[in-house]
Amino acid sequence: MILYNITSSVDPEVAEEWVAFMRDQHMPDVMGTGFFVKSQLLRLLNEEEDGCTYAAQFYCLSTEQLDEYQRVAAPGLRADLETRFPGQYVSFRTVLEVID
């Protein structure tokens, strides 16, 4: 199993709206692509002052599935998020193998 983790630092002024958008639209859209089997949204508890940091996590069965998602669906979904929250968040992505 592969865990695709997107950690985002969000402007506090839009954090509540960003979480609602992630929960109600973006994450369901990602899951709707069929590449992932599970997702979750988390908030970092030990964040810096004036920061709101979240992790969106998606689980897929193989790196090949993740690669296909990145090629086929990710560009459009990322563009939607950037259009909705331009310059109001920064993200970095990590890919992890689930061992146990």
C-alpha atoms as a PDB file:
ATOM      1  CA  MET A   1       0.000   0.000   0.000  1.00  0.00           C
ATOM      2  CA  ILE A   2       1.196   3.500  -0.858  1.00  0.00           C
ATOM      3  CA  LEU A   3       0.408   6.646   1.133  1.00  0.00           C
ATOM      4  CA  TYR A   4       0.360   9.903  -0.802  1.00  0.00           C
ATOM      5  CA  ASN A   5       0.637  12.751   1.708  1.00  0.00           C
ATOM      6  CA  ILE A   6       0.093  16.421   0.864  1.00  0.00           C
ATOM      7  CA  THR A   7       1.060  18.781   3.682  1.00  0.00           C
ATOM      8  CA  SER A   8      -0.299  22.307   3.303  1.00  0.00           C
ATOM      9  CA  SER A   9       0.329  25.478   5.251  1.00  0.00           C
ATOM     10  CA  VAL A  10      -2.786  27.620   4.892  1.00  0.00           C
ATOM     11  CA  ASP A  11      -3.306  31.323   5.512  1.00  0.00           C
ATOM     12  CA  PRO A  12      -5.239  31.526   8.822  1.00  0.00           C
ATOM     13  CA  GLU A  13      -7.726  33.959   7.257  1.00  0.00           C
ATOM     14  CA  VAL A  14      -8.990  31.264   4.857  1.00  0.00           C
ATOM     15  CA  ALA A  15      -8.241  28.118   6.890  1.00  0.00           C
ATOM     16  CA  GLU A  16     -11.847  27.363   7.789  1.00  0.00           C
ATOM     17  CA  GLU A  17     -12.993  27.825   4.193  1.00  0.00           C
ATOM     18  CA  TRP A  18     -10.027  25.766   2.916  1.00  0.00           C
ATOM     19  CA  VAL A  19     -10.880  22.866   5.249  1.00  0.00           C
ATOM     20  CA  ALA A  20     -14.525  22.941   4.155  1.00  0.00           C
ATOM     21  CA  PHE A  21     -13.501  22.959   0.491  1.00  0.00           C
ATOM     22  CA  MET A  22     -11.077  20.072   1.033  1.00  0.00           C
ATOM     23  CA  ARG A  23     -13.624  18.030   2.966  1.00  0.00           C
ATOM     24  CA  ASP A  24     -16.678  18.754   0.819  1.00  0.00           C
ATOM     25  CA  GLN A  25     -15.262  19.050  -2.692  1.00  0.00           C
ATOM     26  CA  HIS A  26     -11.548  18.459  -3.322  1.00  0.00           C
ATOM     27  CA  MET A  27     -11.043  15.216  -1.433  1.00  0.00           C
ATOM     28  CA  PRO A  28     -14.275  13.652  -2.766  1.00  0.00           C
ATOM     29  CA  ASP A  29     -13.149  14.686  -6.277  1.00  0.00           C
ATOM     30  CA  VAL A  30      -9.767  12.997  -5.733  1.00  0.00           C
ATOM     31  CA  MET A  31     -11.445   9.856  -4.417  1.00  0.00           C
ATOM     32  CA  GLY A  32     -13.821   9.950  -7.372  1.00  0.00           C
ATOM     33  CA  THR A  33     -10.916   9.420  -9.756  1.00  0.00           C
ATOM     34  CA  GLY A  34     -10.841   5.778  -8.645  1.00  0.00           C
ATOM     35  CA  PHE A  35      -7.097   5.705  -7.998  1.00  0.00           C
ATOM     36  CA  PHE A  36      -7.338   5.668  -4.199  1.00  0.00           C
ATOM     37  CA  VAL A  37      -8.979   3.358  -1.668  1.00  0.00           C
ATOM     38  CA  LYS A  38      -8.984   5.607   1.427  1.00  0.00           C
ATOM     39  CA  SER A  39      -8.396   9.229   2.412  1.00  0.00           C
ATOM     40  CA  GLN A  40      -8.191  11.365   5.527  1.00  0.00           C
ATOM     41  CA  LEU A  41      -7.622  15.004   6.436  1.00  0.00           C
ATOM     42  CA  LEU A  42      -5.531  15.862   9.491  1.00  0.00           C
ATOM     43  CA  ARG A  43      -4.514  19.058  11.278  1.00  0.00           C
ATOM     44  CA  LEU A  44      -1.074  19.492  12.829  1.00  0.00           C
ATOM     45  CA  LEU A  45      -1.336  20.263  16.520  1.00  0.00           C
ATOM     46  CA  ASN A  46       2.200  21.568  17.048  1.00  0.00           C
ATOM     47  CA  GLU A  47       2.193  24.261  14.409  1.00  0.00           C
ATOM     48  CA  GLU A  48       4.064  27.538  14.292  1.00  0.00           C
ATOM     49  CA  GLU A  49       2.482  30.830  15.353  1.00  0.00           C
ATOM     50  CA  ASP A  50       0.119  32.264  12.750  1.00  0.00           C
ATOM     51  CA  GLY A  51       0.066  28.960  10.926  1.00  0.00           C
ATOM     52  CA  CYS A  52      -2.579  26.427  10.031  1.00  0.00           C
ATOM     53  CA  THR A  53      -1.056  23.222   8.737  1.00  0.00           C
ATOM     54  CA  TYR A  54      -2.980  20.250   7.407  1.00  0.00           C
ATOM     55  CA  ALA A  55      -2.168  16.901   5.840  1.00  0.00           C
ATOM     56  CA  ALA A  56      -4.426  15.328   3.230  1.00  0.00           C
ATOM     57  CA  GLN A  57      -3.615  11.643   2.910  1.00  0.00           C
ATOM     58  CA  PHE A  58      -4.637   9.252   0.174  1.00  0.00           C
ATOM     59  CA  TYR A  59      -3.966   5.525   0.050  1.00  0.00           C
ATOM     60  CA  CYS A  60      -3.532   3.569  -3.175  1.00  0.00           C
ATOM     61  CA  LEU A  61      -2.494   0.024  -3.962  1.00  0.00           C
ATOM     62  CA  SER A  62       0.653   0.686  -6.006  1.00  0.00           C
ATOM     63  CA  THR A  63       3.106   3.319  -7.178  1.00  0.00           C
ATOM     64  CA  GLU A  64       1.834   2.648 -10.706  1.00  0.00           C
ATOM     65  CA  GLN A  65      -1.640   3.790  -9.652  1.00  0.00           C
ATOM     66  CA  LEU A  66      -0.186   6.905  -8.056  1.00  0.00           C
ATOM     67  CA  ASP A  67       1.869   7.649 -11.166  1.00  0.00           C
ATOM     68  CA  GLU A  68      -1.235   7.317 -13.330  1.00  0.00           C
ATOM     69  CA  TYR A  69      -3.195   9.624 -11.003  1.00  0.00           C
ATOM     70  CA  GLN A  70      -0.367  12.176 -11.189  1.00  0.00           C
ATOM     71  CA  ARG A  71      -0.413  12.015 -14.975  1.00  0.00           C
ATOM     72  CA  VAL A  72      -4.160  11.919 -15.625  1.00  0.00           C
ATOM     73  CA  ALA A  73      -6.054  13.655 -12.818  1.00  0.00           C
ATOM     74  CA  ALA A  74      -3.740  15.625 -10.532  1.00  0.00           C
ATOM     75  CA  PRO A  75      -3.012  18.631 -12.790  1.00  0.00           C
ATOM     76  CA  GLY A  76      -6.676  19.591 -13.119  1.00  0.00           C
ATOM     77  CA  LEU A  77      -7.458  19.023  -9.444  1.00  0.00           C
ATOM     78  CA  ARG A  78      -4.458  21.096  -8.376  1.00  0.00           C
ATOM     79  CA  ALA A  79      -5.508  23.873 -10.745  1.00  0.00           C
ATOM     80  CA  ASP A  80      -8.981  23.922  -9.193  1.00  0.00           C
ATOM     81  CA  LEU A  81      -7.493  24.306  -5.721  1.00  0.00           C
ATOM     82  CA  GLU A  82      -5.112  27.056  -6.837  1.00  0.00           C
ATOM     83  CA  THR A  83      -7.944  28.920  -8.574  1.00  0.00           C
ATOM     84  CA  ARG A  84     -10.021  28.777  -5.399  1.00  0.00           C
ATOM     85  CA  PHE A  85      -7.167  29.790  -3.012  1.00  0.00           C
ATOM     86  CA  PRO A  86      -4.530  31.653  -5.060  1.00  0.00           C
ATOM     87  CA  GLY A  87      -1.409  32.379  -3.030  1.00  0.00           C
ATOM     88  CA  GLN A  88      -3.172  31.454   0.215  1.00  0.00           C
ATOM     89  CA  TYR A  89      -1.457  28.115   0.840  1.00  0.00           C
ATOM     90  CA  VAL A  90       1.721  26.231   0.061  1.00  0.00           C
ATOM     91  CA  SER A  91       1.970  22.465  -0.193  1.00  0.00           C
ATOM     92  CA  PHE A  92       4.596  19.779  -0.402  1.00  0.00           C
ATOM     93  CA  ARG A  93       4.030  16.156  -1.280  1.00  0.00           C
ATOM     94  CA  THR A  94       5.557  12.943   0.012  1.00  0.00           C
ATOM     95  CA  VAL A  95       5.053   9.339  -1.002  1.00  0.00           C
ATOM     96  CA  LEU A  96       5.403   6.640   1.644  1.00  0.00           C
ATOM     97  CA  GLU A  97       5.207   2.871   1.578  1.00  0.00           C
ATOM     98  CA  VAL A  98       2.952   1.424   4.268  1.00  0.00           C
ATOM     99  CA  ILE A  99       4.946  -1.338   5.975  1.00  0.00           C
ATOM    100  CA  ASP A 100       2.471  -2.587   8.569  1.00  0.00           C
END
